[in-house]
Amino acid sequence: MTSFTTSPQVVVSLGTDHHKFDRLVDWIDDWLAATPSAPSCLVQHGASRAPRYAQGIDRMPRQELLGLYSSATVVVVQGGPGSILDAREVGHLPIAIARRPELNEVVDGHQIAFSNTMARYGNAIVVGSPEALMRAVDGALKRPESVRTDPRISGAHAAALKLDQAIRELEQSHRKPIALRRIRQLMTHR
């Protein structure tokens, strides 16, 4: 377990993907360099370069990261499902930056689609430029309540019931629901 003398005010997580996401580390470094009396900041950078102006750590246990999220004022994450949902789990509305495939930060555009969907439903604040990141983090530090929310509790059973209902509705609206029957069979034989 990693020890920190004080909990950082800003926690940034780039996840553990093997692709580099130095772009986000650069944006955080630029923000910290430009911010008078910058807050304490920790960057979990994975395979990306370590930050120059923040405490950096390549990896840490998930529970420890969740603890840091919980005590932080602001949480900034890559736009991946795990990162956004982890922040939501502890009651944070994360500021999310999607990795981009054309910059070799990820294999495909799934982070762009996922983070935009989460933002549309009020579960993330998506930014796409260093200026937007600076505005979002500065705003969150001034109004911490704006990035706190009820924890998002995973409801696997409720999700399974919703999926079952959706499949039933699809079956009723299609004459030959062979694929849907197969999905139902797979769900009931777990």
N, C-alpha and C. Protein backbone atom coordinates (compact mmCIF):
# COMPACT_ATOMS: atom_id res chain seq x y z
N MET A 1 0.84 -1.18 0.00
CA MET A 1 0.00 0.00 0.00
C MET A 1 0.88 1.24 0.00
N THR A 2 0.56 2.20 -0.86
CA THR A 2 1.31 3.43 -0.97
C THR A 2 0.83 4.39 0.12
N SER A 3 1.74 5.14 0.70
CA SER A 3 1.31 6.08 1.73
C SER A 3 1.50 7.51 1.25
N PHE A 4 0.56 8.34 1.62
CA PHE A 4 0.59 9.75 1.27
C PHE A 4 0.48 10.53 2.57
N THR A 5 1.30 11.57 2.72
CA THR A 5 1.26 12.34 3.95
C THR A 5 -0.05 13.10 4.08
N THR A 6 -0.55 13.61 2.97
CA THR A 6 -1.86 14.25 2.96
C THR A 6 -2.59 13.79 1.71
N SER A 7 -3.89 13.80 1.77
CA SER A 7 -4.67 13.43 0.60
C SER A 7 -4.59 14.55 -0.42
N PRO A 8 -4.27 14.22 -1.67
CA PRO A 8 -4.20 15.26 -2.69
C PRO A 8 -5.59 15.85 -2.97
N GLN A 9 -5.62 17.14 -3.26
CA GLN A 9 -6.89 17.80 -3.60
C GLN A 9 -7.38 17.38 -4.98
N VAL A 10 -6.43 17.17 -5.89
CA VAL A 10 -6.77 16.76 -7.25
C VAL A 10 -6.12 15.41 -7.50
N VAL A 11 -6.93 14.44 -7.90
CA VAL A 11 -6.42 13.11 -8.25
C VAL A 11 -6.72 12.88 -9.72
N VAL A 12 -5.68 12.51 -10.44
CA VAL A 12 -5.78 12.26 -11.88
C VAL A 12 -5.43 10.79 -12.12
N SER A 13 -6.27 10.08 -12.87
CA SER A 13 -5.98 8.68 -13.17
C SER A 13 -6.05 8.43 -14.67
N LEU A 14 -4.94 7.91 -15.19
CA LEU A 14 -4.86 7.57 -16.60
C LEU A 14 -5.11 6.09 -16.84
N GLY A 15 -5.41 5.36 -15.79
CA GLY A 15 -5.67 3.94 -15.93
C GLY A 15 -4.39 3.15 -16.11
N THR A 16 -4.55 1.91 -16.55
CA THR A 16 -3.40 1.01 -16.64
C THR A 16 -3.16 0.49 -18.06
N ASP A 17 -3.81 1.07 -19.05
CA ASP A 17 -3.61 0.64 -20.44
C ASP A 17 -2.15 0.83 -20.83
N HIS A 18 -1.66 -0.04 -21.71
CA HIS A 18 -0.25 0.06 -22.14
C HIS A 18 0.00 1.22 -23.10
N HIS A 19 -1.05 1.82 -23.65
CA HIS A 19 -0.88 2.98 -24.52
C HIS A 19 -0.54 4.21 -23.67
N LYS A 20 0.34 5.03 -24.19
CA LYS A 20 0.71 6.26 -23.47
C LYS A 20 -0.39 7.30 -23.62
N PHE A 21 -0.55 8.10 -22.58
CA PHE A 21 -1.51 9.20 -22.60
C PHE A 21 -0.81 10.45 -22.06
N ASP A 22 0.38 10.71 -22.63
CA ASP A 22 1.19 11.84 -22.20
C ASP A 22 0.48 13.17 -22.41
N ARG A 23 -0.43 13.21 -23.36
CA ARG A 23 -1.18 14.45 -23.62
C ARG A 23 -1.88 14.94 -22.34
N LEU A 24 -2.53 14.04 -21.62
CA LEU A 24 -3.20 14.45 -20.39
C LEU A 24 -2.19 14.84 -19.31
N VAL A 25 -1.08 14.13 -19.21
CA VAL A 25 -0.04 14.51 -18.24
C VAL A 25 0.47 15.91 -18.57
N ASP A 26 0.68 16.21 -19.84
CA ASP A 26 1.13 17.55 -20.25
C ASP A 26 0.11 18.61 -19.86
N TRP A 27 -1.17 18.32 -20.09
CA TRP A 27 -2.22 19.29 -19.75
C TRP A 27 -2.23 19.57 -18.25
N ILE A 28 -2.08 18.53 -17.43
CA ILE A 28 -2.05 18.71 -15.97
C ILE A 28 -0.81 19.50 -15.57
N ASP A 29 0.34 19.15 -16.14
CA ASP A 29 1.56 19.90 -15.84
C ASP A 29 1.42 21.37 -16.22
N ASP A 30 0.86 21.64 -17.39
CA ASP A 30 0.68 23.03 -17.83
C ASP A 30 -0.25 23.78 -16.88
N TRP A 31 -1.33 23.11 -16.46
CA TRP A 31 -2.27 23.75 -15.53
C TRP A 31 -1.59 24.05 -14.20
N LEU A 32 -0.85 23.07 -13.66
CA LEU A 32 -0.18 23.28 -12.38
C LEU A 32 0.87 24.39 -12.48
N ALA A 33 1.63 24.43 -13.58
CA ALA A 33 2.65 25.46 -13.76
C ALA A 33 2.04 26.85 -13.85
N ALA A 34 0.83 26.94 -14.39
CA ALA A 34 0.18 28.24 -14.59
C ALA A 34 -0.70 28.66 -13.41
N THR A 35 -0.84 27.80 -12.41
CA THR A 35 -1.75 28.08 -11.31
C THR A 35 -0.98 28.55 -10.09
N PRO A 36 -1.18 29.83 -9.71
CA PRO A 36 -0.54 30.30 -8.48
C PRO A 36 -1.09 29.50 -7.29
N SER A 37 -0.22 29.19 -6.37
CA SER A 37 -0.56 28.35 -5.20
C SER A 37 -1.40 27.14 -5.63
N ALA A 38 -0.83 26.36 -6.55
CA ALA A 38 -1.51 25.18 -7.08
C ALA A 38 -1.84 24.19 -5.95
N PRO A 39 -2.97 23.52 -6.08
CA PRO A 39 -3.36 22.53 -5.08
C PRO A 39 -2.47 21.29 -5.17
N SER A 40 -2.50 20.49 -4.13
CA SER A 40 -1.77 19.22 -4.18
C SER A 40 -2.42 18.33 -5.22
N CYS A 41 -1.60 17.61 -5.96
CA CYS A 41 -2.11 16.82 -7.08
C CYS A 41 -1.34 15.52 -7.17
N LEU A 42 -2.06 14.44 -7.41
CA LEU A 42 -1.47 13.13 -7.63
C LEU A 42 -1.91 12.65 -9.00
N VAL A 43 -0.96 12.16 -9.79
CA VAL A 43 -1.27 11.60 -11.10
C VAL A 43 -0.88 10.12 -11.10
N GLN A 44 -1.88 9.25 -11.24
CA GLN A 44 -1.63 7.82 -11.45
C GLN A 44 -1.48 7.70 -12.96
N HIS A 45 -0.23 7.53 -13.43
CA HIS A 45 0.06 7.70 -14.85
C HIS A 45 0.22 6.41 -15.65
N GLY A 46 0.24 5.25 -15.02
CA GLY A 46 0.35 4.01 -15.79
C GLY A 46 1.58 4.01 -16.67
N ALA A 47 1.41 3.71 -17.95
CA ALA A 47 2.51 3.63 -18.91
C ALA A 47 2.97 4.99 -19.41
N SER A 48 2.24 6.04 -19.09
CA SER A 48 2.59 7.39 -19.55
C SER A 48 3.74 7.94 -18.71
N ARG A 49 4.30 9.04 -19.17
CA ARG A 49 5.41 9.64 -18.44
C ARG A 49 4.93 10.18 -17.10
N ALA A 50 5.83 10.26 -16.14
CA ALA A 50 5.49 10.81 -14.82
C ALA A 50 5.32 12.33 -14.95
N PRO A 51 4.47 12.93 -14.13
CA PRO A 51 4.28 14.38 -14.19
C PRO A 51 5.50 15.11 -13.62
N ARG A 52 5.68 16.34 -14.05
CA ARG A 52 6.78 17.18 -13.54
C ARG A 52 6.36 17.95 -12.29
N TYR A 53 5.09 18.36 -12.21
CA TYR A 53 4.65 19.26 -11.14
C TYR A 53 3.67 18.64 -10.15
N ALA A 54 3.46 17.35 -10.25
CA ALA A 54 2.55 16.66 -9.34
C ALA A 54 3.25 15.41 -8.84
N GLN A 55 2.73 14.85 -7.77
CA GLN A 55 3.23 13.56 -7.32
C GLN A 55 2.76 12.53 -8.34
N GLY A 56 3.62 11.62 -8.71
CA GLY A 56 3.26 10.62 -9.69
C GLY A 56 3.45 9.21 -9.16
N ILE A 57 2.58 8.35 -9.60
CA ILE A 57 2.70 6.92 -9.28
C ILE A 57 2.19 6.16 -10.49
N ASP A 58 2.90 5.09 -10.87
CA ASP A 58 2.48 4.39 -12.08
C ASP A 58 1.21 3.58 -11.85
N ARG A 59 1.14 2.82 -10.77
CA ARG A 59 -0.04 2.01 -10.49
C ARG A 59 -0.27 1.97 -8.99
N MET A 60 -1.48 1.62 -8.62
CA MET A 60 -1.81 1.41 -7.22
C MET A 60 -3.04 0.52 -7.14
N PRO A 61 -3.25 -0.14 -6.02
CA PRO A 61 -4.45 -0.97 -5.90
C PRO A 61 -5.72 -0.14 -6.07
N ARG A 62 -6.72 -0.75 -6.70
CA ARG A 62 -7.99 -0.06 -6.98
C ARG A 62 -8.60 0.53 -5.71
N GLN A 63 -8.63 -0.22 -4.63
CA GLN A 63 -9.25 0.28 -3.39
C GLN A 63 -8.55 1.51 -2.88
N GLU A 64 -7.24 1.55 -3.02
CA GLU A 64 -6.48 2.73 -2.60
C GLU A 64 -6.82 3.93 -3.48
N LEU A 65 -6.92 3.70 -4.78
CA LEU A 65 -7.29 4.77 -5.69
C LEU A 65 -8.69 5.29 -5.37
N LEU A 66 -9.63 4.38 -5.11
CA LEU A 66 -10.98 4.80 -4.74
C LEU A 66 -10.97 5.63 -3.46
N GLY A 67 -10.13 5.27 -2.51
CA GLY A 67 -10.00 6.06 -1.28
C GLY A 67 -9.49 7.46 -1.55
N LEU A 68 -8.53 7.56 -2.46
CA LEU A 68 -8.02 8.89 -2.84
C LEU A 68 -9.09 9.69 -3.57
N TYR A 69 -9.83 9.04 -4.47
CA TYR A 69 -10.94 9.73 -5.14
C TYR A 69 -11.91 10.27 -4.09
N SER A 70 -12.24 9.44 -3.15
CA SER A 70 -13.25 9.79 -2.15
C SER A 70 -12.86 11.03 -1.36
N SER A 71 -11.58 11.15 -1.02
CA SER A 71 -11.15 12.29 -0.21
C SER A 71 -10.71 13.50 -1.03
N ALA A 72 -10.59 13.34 -2.34
CA ALA A 72 -10.16 14.45 -3.21
C ALA A 72 -11.27 15.47 -3.40
N THR A 73 -10.88 16.67 -3.77
CA THR A 73 -11.86 17.70 -4.15
C THR A 73 -12.27 17.50 -5.60
N VAL A 74 -11.29 17.17 -6.46
CA VAL A 74 -11.53 17.02 -7.89
C VAL A 74 -10.90 15.71 -8.37
N VAL A 75 -11.63 15.00 -9.22
CA VAL A 75 -11.12 13.77 -9.83
C VAL A 75 -11.13 13.97 -11.35
N VAL A 76 -9.97 13.73 -11.96
CA VAL A 76 -9.80 13.82 -13.41
C VAL A 76 -9.41 12.43 -13.89
N VAL A 77 -10.10 11.93 -14.90
CA VAL A 77 -9.83 10.57 -15.38
C VAL A 77 -9.77 10.50 -16.89
N GLN A 78 -9.12 9.44 -17.38
CA GLN A 78 -9.23 9.09 -18.79
C GLN A 78 -10.70 8.76 -19.04
N GLY A 79 -11.13 8.76 -20.29
CA GLY A 79 -12.53 8.55 -20.60
C GLY A 79 -12.99 7.11 -20.67
N GLY A 80 -12.27 6.20 -20.07
CA GLY A 80 -12.65 4.79 -20.10
C GLY A 80 -13.77 4.47 -19.13
N PRO A 81 -14.54 3.43 -19.42
CA PRO A 81 -15.65 3.05 -18.55
C PRO A 81 -15.23 2.80 -17.10
N GLY A 82 -14.15 2.03 -16.89
CA GLY A 82 -13.74 1.73 -15.53
C GLY A 82 -13.39 2.98 -14.74
N SER A 83 -12.67 3.89 -15.35
CA SER A 83 -12.24 5.11 -14.66
C SER A 83 -13.43 5.99 -14.29
N ILE A 84 -14.32 6.22 -15.24
CA ILE A 84 -15.48 7.07 -14.96
C ILE A 84 -16.38 6.42 -13.90
N LEU A 85 -16.65 5.14 -14.06
CA LEU A 85 -17.55 4.47 -13.12
C LEU A 85 -16.93 4.34 -11.73
N ASP A 86 -15.62 4.19 -11.62
CA ASP A 86 -14.97 4.17 -10.31
C ASP A 86 -15.16 5.51 -9.59
N ALA A 87 -14.97 6.61 -10.30
CA ALA A 87 -15.17 7.92 -9.69
C ALA A 87 -16.63 8.10 -9.26
N ARG A 88 -17.55 7.68 -10.10
CA ARG A 88 -18.98 7.78 -9.78
C ARG A 88 -19.34 6.92 -8.56
N GLU A 89 -18.67 5.78 -8.43
CA GLU A 89 -18.94 4.87 -7.32
C GLU A 89 -18.72 5.54 -5.96
N VAL A 90 -17.76 6.46 -5.88
CA VAL A 90 -17.47 7.13 -4.61
C VAL A 90 -18.08 8.53 -4.53
N GLY A 91 -18.99 8.84 -5.45
CA GLY A 91 -19.71 10.11 -5.36
C GLY A 91 -19.06 11.30 -6.04
N HIS A 92 -18.18 11.05 -6.99
CA HIS A 92 -17.56 12.15 -7.75
C HIS A 92 -18.14 12.21 -9.15
N LEU A 93 -18.34 13.41 -9.63
CA LEU A 93 -18.66 13.66 -11.03
C LEU A 93 -17.30 13.95 -11.67
N PRO A 94 -16.69 12.98 -12.33
CA PRO A 94 -15.32 13.17 -12.80
C PRO A 94 -15.23 14.07 -14.03
N ILE A 95 -14.10 14.73 -14.14
CA ILE A 95 -13.74 15.44 -15.36
C ILE A 95 -13.03 14.39 -16.21
N ALA A 96 -13.54 14.12 -17.40
CA ALA A 96 -13.03 13.03 -18.22
C ALA A 96 -12.45 13.55 -19.54
N ILE A 97 -11.32 12.97 -19.90
CA ILE A 97 -10.66 13.26 -21.17
C ILE A 97 -10.52 11.93 -21.90
N ALA A 98 -11.14 11.82 -23.06
CA ALA A 98 -11.09 10.57 -23.81
C ALA A 98 -9.76 10.41 -24.52
N ARG A 99 -9.22 9.21 -24.45
CA ARG A 99 -8.05 8.88 -25.25
C ARG A 99 -8.50 8.85 -26.72
N ARG A 100 -7.60 9.23 -27.62
CA ARG A 100 -7.95 9.32 -29.03
C ARG A 100 -7.15 8.29 -29.85
N PRO A 101 -7.84 7.50 -30.69
CA PRO A 101 -7.13 6.50 -31.48
C PRO A 101 -6.16 7.10 -32.49
N GLU A 102 -6.50 8.24 -33.07
CA GLU A 102 -5.62 8.84 -34.08
C GLU A 102 -4.32 9.36 -33.48
N LEU A 103 -4.25 9.46 -32.13
CA LEU A 103 -3.03 9.87 -31.45
C LEU A 103 -2.32 8.65 -30.83
N ASN A 104 -2.77 7.46 -31.19
CA ASN A 104 -2.23 6.20 -30.67
C ASN A 104 -2.32 6.10 -29.15
N GLU A 105 -3.38 6.69 -28.57
CA GLU A 105 -3.59 6.63 -27.13
C GLU A 105 -4.49 5.45 -26.74
N VAL A 106 -5.15 4.85 -27.74
CA VAL A 106 -6.09 3.76 -27.53
C VAL A 106 -6.32 3.10 -28.88
N VAL A 107 -6.87 1.91 -28.89
CA VAL A 107 -7.07 1.16 -30.13
C VAL A 107 -8.20 1.73 -30.99
N ASP A 108 -9.31 2.13 -30.35
CA ASP A 108 -10.46 2.60 -31.11
C ASP A 108 -11.12 3.78 -30.39
N GLY A 109 -12.26 4.21 -30.88
CA GLY A 109 -12.94 5.38 -30.34
C GLY A 109 -13.91 5.10 -29.21
N HIS A 110 -13.80 3.96 -28.54
CA HIS A 110 -14.78 3.63 -27.51
C HIS A 110 -14.80 4.64 -26.36
N GLN A 111 -13.65 5.22 -26.01
CA GLN A 111 -13.64 6.18 -24.91
C GLN A 111 -14.38 7.46 -25.29
N ILE A 112 -14.26 7.86 -26.53
CA ILE A 112 -14.97 9.06 -26.98
C ILE A 112 -16.47 8.84 -26.87
N ALA A 113 -16.94 7.72 -27.41
CA ALA A 113 -18.37 7.41 -27.35
C ALA A 113 -18.86 7.25 -25.92
N PHE A 114 -18.09 6.51 -25.10
CA PHE A 114 -18.55 6.26 -23.74
C PHE A 114 -18.58 7.53 -22.91
N SER A 115 -17.51 8.32 -22.96
CA SER A 115 -17.50 9.53 -22.13
C SER A 115 -18.56 10.52 -22.58
N ASN A 116 -18.80 10.64 -23.87
CA ASN A 116 -19.86 11.53 -24.33
C ASN A 116 -21.23 11.06 -23.87
N THR A 117 -21.45 9.75 -23.87
CA THR A 117 -22.71 9.21 -23.37
C THR A 117 -22.85 9.49 -21.88
N MET A 118 -21.79 9.27 -21.11
CA MET A 118 -21.84 9.55 -19.67
C MET A 118 -22.11 11.03 -19.41
N ALA A 119 -21.51 11.90 -20.20
CA ALA A 119 -21.74 13.34 -20.04
C ALA A 119 -23.19 13.69 -20.36
N ARG A 120 -23.73 13.08 -21.41
CA ARG A 120 -25.12 13.35 -21.80
C ARG A 120 -26.09 13.00 -20.67
N TYR A 121 -25.77 11.97 -19.89
CA TYR A 121 -26.63 11.57 -18.78
C TYR A 121 -26.21 12.16 -17.44
N GLY A 122 -25.30 13.14 -17.46
CA GLY A 122 -24.91 13.82 -16.23
C GLY A 122 -23.98 13.04 -15.33
N ASN A 123 -23.21 12.09 -15.90
CA ASN A 123 -22.32 11.27 -15.09
C ASN A 123 -20.85 11.59 -15.27
N ALA A 124 -20.53 12.61 -16.05
CA ALA A 124 -19.14 13.03 -16.25
C ALA A 124 -19.15 14.42 -16.88
N ILE A 125 -18.04 15.10 -16.74
CA ILE A 125 -17.81 16.37 -17.41
C ILE A 125 -16.70 16.10 -18.42
N VAL A 126 -17.01 16.13 -19.69
CA VAL A 126 -16.03 15.79 -20.72
C VAL A 126 -15.40 17.06 -21.26
N VAL A 127 -14.07 17.05 -21.32
CA VAL A 127 -13.33 18.17 -21.89
C VAL A 127 -12.41 17.64 -22.97
N GLY A 128 -12.10 18.50 -23.94
CA GLY A 128 -11.29 18.07 -25.07
C GLY A 128 -10.12 18.96 -25.40
N SER A 129 -9.83 19.91 -24.52
CA SER A 129 -8.69 20.79 -24.76
C SER A 129 -8.05 21.16 -23.42
N PRO A 130 -6.80 21.61 -23.46
CA PRO A 130 -6.16 22.00 -22.20
C PRO A 130 -6.88 23.18 -21.54
N GLU A 131 -7.38 24.10 -22.37
CA GLU A 131 -8.10 25.26 -21.81
C GLU A 131 -9.39 24.83 -21.12
N ALA A 132 -10.11 23.90 -21.75
CA ALA A 132 -11.35 23.40 -21.14
C ALA A 132 -11.05 22.64 -19.85
N LEU A 133 -9.95 21.90 -19.82
CA LEU A 133 -9.57 21.19 -18.60
C LEU A 133 -9.26 22.20 -17.49
N MET A 134 -8.49 23.23 -17.81
CA MET A 134 -8.15 24.24 -16.80
C MET A 134 -9.40 24.90 -16.24
N ARG A 135 -10.33 25.27 -17.12
CA ARG A 135 -11.59 25.89 -16.66
C ARG A 135 -12.38 24.93 -15.78
N ALA A 136 -12.46 23.68 -16.19
CA ALA A 136 -13.24 22.70 -15.43
C ALA A 136 -12.64 22.45 -14.05
N VAL A 137 -11.32 22.27 -13.98
CA VAL A 137 -10.67 22.00 -12.69
C VAL A 137 -10.75 23.24 -11.80
N ASP A 138 -10.46 24.41 -12.36
CA ASP A 138 -10.55 25.65 -11.56
C ASP A 138 -11.97 25.85 -11.04
N GLY A 139 -12.96 25.63 -11.88
CA GLY A 139 -14.36 25.76 -11.46
C GLY A 139 -14.72 24.77 -10.37
N ALA A 140 -14.24 23.54 -10.50
CA ALA A 140 -14.54 22.52 -9.49
C ALA A 140 -13.86 22.84 -8.16
N LEU A 141 -12.66 23.41 -8.20
CA LEU A 141 -11.99 23.78 -6.96
C LEU A 141 -12.71 24.94 -6.27
N LYS A 142 -13.29 25.84 -7.07
CA LYS A 142 -14.04 26.96 -6.49
C LYS A 142 -15.39 26.51 -5.95
N ARG A 143 -16.00 25.52 -6.60
CA ARG A 143 -17.32 25.02 -6.20
C ARG A 143 -17.27 23.49 -6.11
N PRO A 144 -16.64 22.97 -5.06
CA PRO A 144 -16.48 21.50 -4.95
C PRO A 144 -17.79 20.74 -4.97
N GLU A 145 -18.85 21.36 -4.49
CA GLU A 145 -20.15 20.67 -4.50
C GLU A 145 -20.65 20.40 -5.92
N SER A 146 -20.12 21.13 -6.90
CA SER A 146 -20.56 20.94 -8.28
C SER A 146 -20.06 19.63 -8.88
N VAL A 147 -19.06 19.01 -8.26
CA VAL A 147 -18.52 17.75 -8.77
C VAL A 147 -18.71 16.60 -7.78
N ARG A 148 -19.60 16.81 -6.82
CA ARG A 148 -19.95 15.73 -5.89
C ARG A 148 -21.39 15.34 -6.16
N THR A 149 -21.66 14.07 -6.02
CA THR A 149 -22.99 13.56 -6.30
C THR A 149 -23.22 12.31 -5.47
N ASP A 150 -24.41 11.79 -5.52
CA ASP A 150 -24.66 10.53 -4.83
C ASP A 150 -23.81 9.44 -5.48
N PRO A 151 -23.26 8.56 -4.67
CA PRO A 151 -22.49 7.45 -5.26
C PRO A 151 -23.36 6.63 -6.19
N ARG A 152 -22.77 6.19 -7.27
CA ARG A 152 -23.47 5.33 -8.23
C ARG A 152 -23.22 3.89 -7.79
N ILE A 153 -24.25 3.27 -7.30
CA ILE A 153 -24.14 1.90 -6.83
C ILE A 153 -24.49 0.96 -7.99
N SER A 154 -23.61 0.03 -8.24
CA SER A 154 -23.85 -0.93 -9.31
C SER A 154 -25.02 -1.82 -8.94
N GLY A 155 -25.92 -1.99 -9.84
CA GLY A 155 -27.08 -2.83 -9.61
C GLY A 155 -27.14 -3.94 -10.65
N ALA A 156 -26.29 -4.93 -10.51
CA ALA A 156 -26.21 -6.00 -11.50
C ALA A 156 -27.56 -6.71 -11.65
N HIS A 157 -28.23 -6.96 -10.53
CA HIS A 157 -29.52 -7.66 -10.60
C HIS A 157 -30.55 -6.79 -11.32
N ALA A 158 -30.60 -5.51 -10.97
CA ALA A 158 -31.55 -4.60 -11.62
C ALA A 158 -31.25 -4.50 -13.11
N ALA A 159 -29.97 -4.45 -13.46
CA ALA A 159 -29.59 -4.38 -14.88
C ALA A 159 -30.02 -5.64 -15.62
N ALA A 160 -29.87 -6.80 -14.99
CA ALA A 160 -30.28 -8.06 -15.62
C ALA A 160 -31.79 -8.08 -15.85
N LEU A 161 -32.54 -7.56 -14.89
CA LEU A 161 -34.01 -7.50 -15.05
C LEU A 161 -34.40 -6.58 -16.20
N LYS A 162 -33.71 -5.43 -16.31
CA LYS A 162 -33.99 -4.50 -17.41
C LYS A 162 -33.66 -5.14 -18.76
N LEU A 163 -32.54 -5.85 -18.82
CA LEU A 163 -32.16 -6.52 -20.06
C LEU A 163 -33.19 -7.57 -20.42
N ASP A 164 -33.65 -8.36 -19.44
CA ASP A 164 -34.66 -9.38 -19.68
C ASP A 164 -35.94 -8.74 -20.24
N GLN A 165 -36.35 -7.63 -19.65
CA GLN A 165 -37.56 -6.95 -20.11
C GLN A 165 -37.38 -6.43 -21.54
N ALA A 166 -36.21 -5.87 -21.82
CA ALA A 166 -35.94 -5.37 -23.18
C ALA A 166 -35.97 -6.50 -24.20
N ILE A 167 -35.42 -7.64 -23.83
CA ILE A 167 -35.43 -8.79 -24.73
C ILE A 167 -36.85 -9.27 -24.97
N ARG A 168 -37.66 -9.31 -23.91
CA ARG A 168 -39.06 -9.72 -24.06
C ARG A 168 -39.80 -8.78 -25.03
N GLU A 169 -39.56 -7.49 -24.89
CA GLU A 169 -40.21 -6.52 -25.77
C GLU A 169 -39.75 -6.72 -27.21
N LEU A 170 -38.48 -6.98 -27.41
CA LEU A 170 -37.97 -7.22 -28.76
C LEU A 170 -38.57 -8.50 -29.34
N GLU A 171 -38.65 -9.52 -28.51
CA GLU A 171 -39.23 -10.79 -28.98
C GLU A 171 -40.67 -10.59 -29.45
N GLN A 172 -41.41 -9.78 -28.72
CA GLN A 172 -42.81 -9.55 -29.07
C GLN A 172 -42.95 -8.74 -30.35
N SER A 173 -41.95 -7.94 -30.67
CA SER A 173 -42.05 -7.09 -31.85
C SER A 173 -41.42 -7.71 -33.10
N HIS A 174 -40.79 -8.87 -32.98
CA HIS A 174 -40.17 -9.53 -34.12
C HIS A 174 -40.75 -10.93 -34.31
N ARG A 175 -40.89 -11.33 -35.53
CA ARG A 175 -41.47 -12.65 -35.82
C ARG A 175 -40.49 -13.78 -35.59
N LYS A 176 -39.23 -13.57 -35.92
CA LYS A 176 -38.25 -14.65 -35.80
C LYS A 176 -37.12 -14.23 -34.86
N PRO A 177 -37.37 -14.27 -33.59
CA PRO A 177 -36.37 -13.80 -32.63
C PRO A 177 -35.35 -14.87 -32.23
N ILE A 178 -34.76 -15.53 -33.23
CA ILE A 178 -33.84 -16.62 -32.95
C ILE A 178 -32.67 -16.14 -32.10
N ALA A 179 -32.05 -15.04 -32.48
CA ALA A 179 -30.90 -14.54 -31.71
C ALA A 179 -31.32 -14.15 -30.30
N LEU A 180 -32.50 -13.58 -30.16
CA LEU A 180 -32.97 -13.19 -28.84
C LEU A 180 -33.23 -14.40 -27.97
N ARG A 181 -33.77 -15.46 -28.56
CA ARG A 181 -33.97 -16.70 -27.78
C ARG A 181 -32.63 -17.23 -27.30
N ARG A 182 -31.62 -17.16 -28.16
CA ARG A 182 -30.29 -17.65 -27.78
C ARG A 182 -29.72 -16.82 -26.64
N ILE A 183 -29.90 -15.51 -26.68
CA ILE A 183 -29.43 -14.65 -25.60
C ILE A 183 -30.12 -15.05 -24.30
N ARG A 184 -31.43 -15.25 -24.34
CA ARG A 184 -32.18 -15.65 -23.15
C ARG A 184 -31.66 -16.99 -22.62
N GLN A 185 -31.39 -17.94 -23.53
CA GLN A 185 -30.87 -19.25 -23.10
C GLN A 185 -29.53 -19.07 -22.37
N LEU A 186 -28.69 -18.25 -22.92
CA LEU A 186 -27.39 -18.02 -22.30
C LEU A 186 -27.54 -17.37 -20.93
N MET A 187 -28.50 -16.46 -20.81
CA MET A 187 -28.71 -15.77 -19.53
C MET A 187 -29.24 -16.73 -18.48
N THR A 188 -30.09 -17.67 -18.85
CA THR A 188 -30.70 -18.53 -17.86
C THR A 188 -29.83 -19.74 -17.53
N HIS A 189 -28.81 -20.01 -18.31
CA HIS A 189 -27.95 -21.17 -18.05
C HIS A 189 -26.58 -20.72 -17.56
N ARG A 190 -26.55 -19.81 -16.62
CA ARG A 190 -25.28 -19.31 -16.09
C ARG A 190 -24.89 -20.06 -14.85
